[in-house]
């Protein structure tokens, strides 16, 4: 199992809208091959900061299966315009 970790810094004042869009995006990621589970946690100290944790069966399920899919384009359209700066994504085993 691989853990994907992303720190999400949301543009100031857009957290409520981000959370609404994330609820829509959850069905996309959870339908992908190799997806196991995910958690989105809101930072206590900083209002517009989150951590996204996604468990995948393999790194390829994330990097190839998800990121190179048509579904990823929908995910991107829902969420990527909220990030500033764009998050670094790391994988852990």
Protein backbone atom coordinates (compact mmCIF):
# COMPACT_ATOMS: atom_id res chain seq x y z
CA UNK A 1 0.00 0.00 0.00
CA UNK A 2 1.16 3.52 -0.87
CA UNK A 3 0.16 6.68 1.02
CA UNK A 4 -0.13 9.83 -1.07
CA UNK A 5 0.35 13.00 1.01
CA UNK A 6 -0.45 16.51 -0.22
CA UNK A 7 -0.48 19.75 1.77
CA UNK A 8 -3.16 21.95 0.21
CA UNK A 9 -2.86 25.71 0.64
CA UNK A 10 -6.14 27.24 -0.51
CA UNK A 11 -6.43 30.80 -1.77
CA UNK A 12 -7.55 33.05 1.07
CA UNK A 13 -11.27 33.02 1.70
CA UNK A 14 -12.07 30.14 -0.66
CA UNK A 15 -12.05 27.25 1.82
CA UNK A 16 -15.85 26.89 2.00
CA UNK A 17 -16.11 26.69 -1.80
CA UNK A 18 -13.14 24.29 -1.91
CA UNK A 19 -14.86 21.97 0.58
CA UNK A 20 -18.05 21.94 -1.51
CA UNK A 21 -16.09 21.05 -4.64
CA UNK A 22 -14.05 18.46 -2.78
CA UNK A 23 -17.25 16.65 -1.79
CA UNK A 24 -18.05 16.37 -5.52
CA UNK A 25 -14.49 15.27 -6.33
CA UNK A 26 -14.51 12.50 -3.71
CA UNK A 27 -16.69 10.31 -5.90
CA UNK A 28 -14.16 10.63 -8.72
CA UNK A 29 -11.10 9.51 -6.79
CA UNK A 30 -12.93 6.80 -4.87
CA UNK A 31 -14.03 5.17 -8.14
CA UNK A 32 -10.48 4.75 -9.46
CA UNK A 33 -8.70 1.39 -9.78
CA UNK A 34 -6.31 0.88 -6.88
CA UNK A 35 -7.98 3.44 -4.62
CA UNK A 36 -8.27 2.25 -1.01
CA UNK A 37 -9.29 5.26 1.11
CA UNK A 38 -8.74 8.97 1.68
CA UNK A 39 -8.96 11.64 4.35
CA UNK A 40 -9.05 15.41 4.04
CA UNK A 41 -8.09 17.21 7.25
CA UNK A 42 -8.41 20.96 7.90
CA UNK A 43 -5.51 22.64 9.67
CA UNK A 44 -6.29 24.04 13.11
CA UNK A 45 -3.62 26.76 13.04
CA UNK A 46 -4.19 28.04 9.48
CA UNK A 47 -7.72 28.60 8.12
CA UNK A 48 -7.02 27.91 4.47
CA UNK A 49 -4.77 24.87 4.81
CA UNK A 50 -5.57 21.15 4.51
CA UNK A 51 -3.79 17.83 4.27
CA UNK A 52 -5.00 15.18 1.84
CA UNK A 53 -4.08 11.57 2.56
CA UNK A 54 -4.92 8.94 -0.05
CA UNK A 55 -4.15 5.24 0.22
CA UNK A 56 -3.49 3.47 -3.08
CA UNK A 57 -2.65 -0.15 -3.81
CA UNK A 58 0.38 0.92 -5.91
CA UNK A 59 2.11 4.16 -6.89
CA UNK A 60 1.20 3.37 -10.51
CA UNK A 61 -2.49 3.40 -9.58
CA UNK A 62 -2.04 7.03 -8.58
CA UNK A 63 0.61 8.30 -10.99
CA UNK A 64 -0.63 6.53 -14.12
CA UNK A 65 -4.12 5.14 -13.52
CA UNK A 66 -5.50 8.28 -11.90
CA UNK A 67 -3.36 11.15 -13.15
CA UNK A 68 -3.49 10.04 -16.78
CA UNK A 69 -7.24 9.38 -16.77
CA UNK A 70 -10.18 11.36 -18.11
CA UNK A 71 -11.54 11.38 -14.57
CA UNK A 72 -8.45 13.29 -13.43
CA UNK A 73 -9.36 16.11 -15.82
CA UNK A 74 -12.68 16.47 -14.00
CA UNK A 75 -10.88 16.36 -10.61
CA UNK A 76 -8.47 19.03 -11.87
CA UNK A 77 -11.31 21.27 -13.09
CA UNK A 78 -13.07 21.02 -9.71
CA UNK A 79 -10.04 21.62 -7.47
CA UNK A 80 -6.81 22.90 -9.01
CA UNK A 81 -7.86 26.56 -9.26
CA UNK A 82 -8.09 26.75 -5.44
CA UNK A 83 -4.40 25.99 -4.76
CA UNK A 84 -1.78 28.64 -4.09
CA UNK A 85 0.92 27.49 -4.46
CA UNK A 86 0.26 24.24 -6.28
CA UNK A 87 0.82 21.39 -3.81
CA UNK A 88 3.78 19.07 -3.73
CA UNK A 89 2.62 15.46 -3.64
CA UNK A 90 4.73 12.80 -1.96
CA UNK A 91 4.33 9.05 -1.59
CA UNK A 92 5.12 6.90 1.44
CA UNK A 93 5.24 3.15 1.97
